[in-house]
Each structure stands twice: as C-alpha cells, then as structure tokens.
Amino acid sequence: MVTAMPAVAASSSWTDEDGTRLPSGDVHAWWRGQNQTLCGVPLHRARLGRFSHVLWIDAMWIHDTAAADTPVMAMCPRCTAATRPKRSRRADRGRTRPRP
C-alpha cells in the first residue's frame, strides 16, 4: 500500500544548475490541497511558496546532504515530528499493567 507523502512549502527558493526551483529558508511540510502546513501555519498569511514537486522526504535528504554552495534550509521541527512514524502504544509505555 502506498501512502501519500507531504510536499514542501518554504519562505524562499533557489534554482539549481538544472533549472529546478527548490526550497530554502524556513521549510515546512504541506499536504497538497490544504491551505496550511502540518504544524498549522497558514500558507498565504506566512507568505510560504508551494513546492508541490518536492516531497518532504526529499527536502530532508537535501538538507542532510547539502553542499557548501546550497542555500540554508531550516526544517520546521514541528513538521518533522508530525511526519515521523508513530510507535505503538505498548512500546511507548515500556511495560503492561498487571491483570486483576
């Protein structure tokens, strides 16, 4: 089963040597068709540009492997937390309650 991945919204952009527009500045995760980021920031009010061709996972990879000449991307920590897989409840507790 393939699940949809969030795209990217960012405060600024840059163009790589291939002519592709990429995000820079404050970078947030964003679901296509919605008017806010995963952390609740409204796109229009915050003046964030939409990068529907860039997936959040790809932006994380660009951020982690950036060269010295790549513009800085500040990944939103709340969006990053919202896109991480959730652990099971039992694993979070560490132990189970004794049965009566």
Protein backbone atom coordinates (compact mmCIF):
# COMPACT_ATOMS: atom_id res chain seq x y z
CA MET A 1 0.00 0.00 0.00
CA VAL A 2 1.38 3.39 -1.00
CA THR A 3 0.67 6.29 1.32
CA ALA A 4 0.75 9.88 0.18
CA MET A 5 3.74 11.94 1.18
CA PRO A 6 3.55 15.60 2.14
CA ALA A 7 5.08 18.18 -0.15
CA VAL A 8 7.09 21.25 0.85
CA ALA A 9 6.23 24.89 1.48
CA ALA A 10 9.08 27.34 2.09
CA SER A 11 9.77 31.01 2.72
CA SER A 12 12.17 31.36 -0.24
CA SER A 13 13.55 29.44 -3.20
CA TRP A 14 16.64 28.93 -5.32
CA THR A 15 17.32 27.38 -8.71
CA ASP A 16 19.84 24.55 -9.12
CA GLU A 17 22.13 24.07 -12.13
CA ASP A 18 19.43 22.01 -13.91
CA GLY A 19 16.94 24.89 -13.65
CA THR A 20 14.76 23.23 -10.98
CA ARG A 21 13.20 25.53 -8.38
CA LEU A 22 13.99 24.23 -4.88
CA PRO A 23 13.01 25.40 -1.37
CA SER A 24 15.22 27.34 1.03
CA GLY A 25 14.75 29.39 4.17
CA ASP A 26 12.04 28.19 6.58
CA VAL A 27 10.81 24.86 5.21
CA HIS A 28 7.52 23.22 6.26
CA ALA A 29 5.65 20.02 5.35
CA TRP A 30 2.40 20.64 3.47
CA TRP A 31 -0.44 18.44 2.17
CA ARG A 32 -1.49 19.29 -1.37
CA GLY A 33 -4.97 20.78 -1.46
CA GLN A 34 -4.75 22.29 2.02
CA ASN A 35 -4.06 25.88 2.93
CA GLN A 36 -1.82 25.23 5.92
CA THR A 37 1.28 23.29 6.88
CA LEU A 38 1.30 20.22 9.12
CA CYS A 39 2.27 22.41 12.07
CA GLY A 40 -0.68 24.74 11.42
CA VAL A 41 0.99 27.72 9.72
CA PRO A 42 -1.32 29.25 7.07
CA LEU A 43 0.46 29.32 3.71
CA HIS A 44 -0.84 32.63 2.39
CA ARG A 45 -0.57 34.57 5.63
CA ALA A 46 3.00 33.38 6.25
CA ARG A 47 3.86 34.01 2.55
CA LEU A 48 5.13 30.49 2.04
CA GLY A 49 5.73 29.30 -1.50
CA ARG A 50 4.38 25.90 -2.51
CA PHE A 51 6.76 23.30 -3.91
CA SER A 52 4.37 20.54 -4.93
CA HIS A 53 7.12 18.85 -6.96
CA VAL A 54 9.36 18.42 -3.89
CA LEU A 55 8.39 15.77 -1.34
CA TRP A 56 9.14 16.33 2.35
CA ILE A 57 11.38 13.25 2.44
CA ASP A 58 13.41 14.66 -0.47
CA ALA A 59 13.78 18.02 1.30
CA MET A 60 15.08 16.21 4.39
CA TRP A 61 17.62 14.41 2.18
CA ILE A 62 18.68 17.70 0.52
CA HIS A 63 19.06 19.26 3.98
CA ASP A 64 21.17 16.38 5.31
CA THR A 65 23.46 16.11 2.27
CA ALA A 66 23.74 19.80 1.35
CA ALA A 67 26.93 21.05 -0.24
CA ALA A 68 28.62 24.26 0.86
CA ASP A 69 27.07 26.27 -2.00
CA THR A 70 23.49 25.09 -1.26
CA PRO A 71 21.27 27.72 0.40
CA VAL A 72 20.37 27.07 4.02
CA MET A 73 17.11 25.26 4.81
CA ALA A 74 15.70 25.48 8.33
CA MET A 75 13.44 22.44 8.66
CA CYS A 76 10.42 23.06 10.91
CA PRO A 77 10.79 20.83 13.99
CA ARG A 78 7.01 20.53 14.44
CA CYS A 79 6.53 19.41 10.83
CA THR A 80 9.43 16.99 11.21
CA ALA A 81 7.80 15.46 14.29
CA ALA A 82 4.43 15.27 12.53
CA THR A 83 5.90 13.26 9.64
CA ARG A 84 7.72 10.68 11.77
CA PRO A 85 6.10 7.26 12.10
CA LYS A 86 4.20 6.72 15.33
CA ARG A 87 5.30 3.99 17.68
CA SER A 88 2.79 1.57 19.07
CA ARG A 89 1.22 2.45 22.40
CA ARG A 90 2.55 -0.67 24.08
CA ALA A 91 6.13 0.19 23.05
CA ASP A 92 5.71 3.73 24.43
CA ARG A 93 4.68 2.51 27.88
CA GLY A 94 7.55 0.13 28.28
CA ARG A 95 5.52 -2.30 30.38
CA THR A 96 1.98 -3.57 30.64
CA ARG A 97 -0.42 -3.30 33.54
CA PRO A 98 -0.91 -6.43 35.61
CA ARG A 99 -4.28 -8.07 35.14
CA PRO A 100 -6.55 -8.16 38.19
